[in-house]
Amino acid sequence: MGRLAELVGDQMYGEKSRTFIFSEEGHTLGNALQFIISQYPDVEFCGYTVPHPAETKMHFRIQTKKGRATDVLKRGLQDLEKVCDHTLETFNEACKEYRNTKNLSADST
């Protein structure tokens, strides 16, 4: 993942609302992270945009009823990481089971 920055001028809305800029990221992270964070009960708004297809930047906005938007982003990234780890583990187990039923070695493709 690339760098992360807060959008300049967003301070006037307080810590409950922030727009974060992810460098070298796009719809893949944006859509998955939005899905996770938008399900939190204290989140009023969660959305992202990719301002221009030629730029590899994603703007990700979070507005909360209470708490800091930065903390919600951290929680969302941690929860998304858990989902990805579970998905990878489930996939690897299914591949192993398939290989065992077909008597294939792990090296064969």
Protein backbone atom coordinates (compact mmCIF):
# COMPACT_ATOMS: atom_id res chain seq x y z
CA MET A 1 0.00 0.00 0.00
CA GLY A 2 1.19 3.52 -0.75
CA ARG A 3 1.16 6.54 1.49
CA LEU A 4 -1.81 7.95 3.36
CA ALA A 5 -2.56 11.64 3.96
CA GLU A 6 -5.45 13.70 5.27
CA LEU A 7 -7.00 16.19 2.89
CA VAL A 8 -5.88 19.72 3.70
CA GLY A 9 -8.61 22.01 5.02
CA ASP A 10 -10.69 19.22 6.53
CA GLN A 11 -9.83 20.19 10.11
CA MET A 12 -12.78 22.62 10.42
CA TYR A 13 -15.25 19.72 10.73
CA GLY A 14 -13.57 18.29 13.81
CA GLU A 15 -12.22 14.83 14.44
CA LYS A 16 -15.52 13.14 13.56
CA SER A 17 -15.07 13.82 9.86
CA ARG A 18 -12.03 13.33 7.65
CA THR A 19 -11.07 12.70 4.07
CA PHE A 20 -8.02 10.51 3.65
CA ILE A 21 -5.99 10.29 0.47
CA PHE A 22 -4.52 6.89 -0.34
CA SER A 23 -1.69 6.97 -2.88
CA GLU A 24 -1.27 4.02 -5.23
CA GLU A 25 -4.77 2.72 -4.41
CA GLY A 26 -8.11 2.65 -6.20
CA HIS A 27 -11.45 0.87 -6.39
CA THR A 28 -10.19 -2.49 -5.09
CA LEU A 29 -9.34 -1.15 -1.64
CA GLY A 30 -11.95 1.61 -1.71
CA ASN A 31 -14.95 -0.62 -2.33
CA ALA A 32 -13.92 -3.30 0.18
CA LEU A 33 -13.07 -0.77 2.90
CA GLN A 34 -16.28 1.17 2.31
CA PHE A 35 -18.30 -2.03 2.68
CA ILE A 36 -16.65 -2.85 6.03
CA ILE A 37 -16.80 0.66 7.55
CA SER A 38 -20.32 1.52 6.38
CA GLN A 39 -21.67 -1.31 8.55
CA TYR A 40 -20.40 0.24 11.79
CA PRO A 41 -23.34 1.72 13.75
CA ASP A 42 -21.54 4.98 14.64
CA VAL A 43 -20.71 5.84 11.01
CA GLU A 44 -22.96 8.47 9.40
CA PHE A 45 -21.22 8.48 6.02
CA CYS A 46 -18.50 6.49 4.34
CA GLY A 47 -17.55 6.86 0.71
CA TYR A 48 -14.67 7.06 -1.69
CA THR A 49 -13.80 8.53 -5.05
CA VAL A 50 -11.02 8.07 -7.52
CA PRO A 51 -10.75 11.66 -8.83
CA HIS A 52 -9.19 10.77 -12.18
CA PRO A 53 -8.29 7.43 -13.79
CA ALA A 54 -4.84 8.73 -14.74
CA GLU A 55 -4.01 9.37 -11.07
CA THR A 56 -3.40 6.51 -8.69
CA LYS A 57 -5.10 8.22 -5.76
CA MET A 58 -8.24 7.42 -3.84
CA HIS A 59 -10.08 9.89 -1.60
CA PHE A 60 -11.83 8.12 1.28
CA ARG A 61 -14.28 10.07 3.46
CA ILE A 62 -15.57 9.05 6.89
CA GLN A 63 -18.10 10.92 9.06
CA THR A 64 -18.98 9.51 12.47
CA LYS A 65 -21.69 10.24 15.04
CA LYS A 66 -19.10 9.99 17.81
CA GLY A 67 -15.45 9.13 17.99
CA ARG A 68 -12.58 9.99 15.70
CA ALA A 69 -12.71 9.25 11.99
CA THR A 70 -9.04 8.23 12.16
CA ASP A 71 -9.87 5.51 14.70
CA VAL A 72 -12.69 4.23 12.49
CA LEU A 73 -10.29 4.03 9.53
CA LYS A 74 -7.77 2.05 11.59
CA ARG A 75 -10.50 -0.33 12.79
CA GLY A 76 -11.78 -0.75 9.23
CA LEU A 77 -8.33 -1.59 7.89
CA GLN A 78 -7.80 -4.12 10.69
CA ASP A 79 -11.19 -5.73 10.08
CA LEU A 80 -10.56 -5.86 6.32
CA GLU A 81 -7.21 -7.53 6.97
CA LYS A 82 -8.99 -10.19 9.06
CA VAL A 83 -11.49 -10.81 6.26
CA CYS A 84 -8.66 -11.16 3.73
CA ASP A 85 -6.73 -13.53 6.02
CA HIS A 86 -9.84 -15.68 6.50
CA THR A 87 -10.53 -15.73 2.75
CA LEU A 88 -6.96 -16.77 1.96
CA GLU A 89 -7.00 -19.48 4.65
CA THR A 90 -10.34 -20.85 3.40
CA PHE A 91 -9.09 -20.85 -0.20
CA ASN A 92 -5.85 -22.64 0.71
CA GLU A 93 -7.74 -25.27 2.70
CA ALA A 94 -10.12 -25.86 -0.22
CA CYS A 95 -7.19 -26.22 -2.63
CA LYS A 96 -5.51 -28.70 -0.28
CA GLU A 97 -8.72 -30.70 0.04
CA TYR A 98 -9.17 -30.72 -3.74
CA ARG A 99 -5.59 -31.91 -4.28
CA ASN A 100 -6.09 -34.69 -1.74
CA THR A 101 -9.28 -35.91 -3.41
CA LYS A 102 -7.62 -35.88 -6.84
CA ASN A 103 -4.29 -37.28 -5.56
CA LEU A 104 -2.42 -34.24 -6.87
CA SER A 105 0.80 -32.94 -5.40
CA ALA A 106 1.09 -29.34 -4.20
CA ASP A 107 3.62 -28.64 -6.97
CA SER A 108 1.34 -29.56 -9.87
CA THR A 109 -0.73 -26.82 -11.43
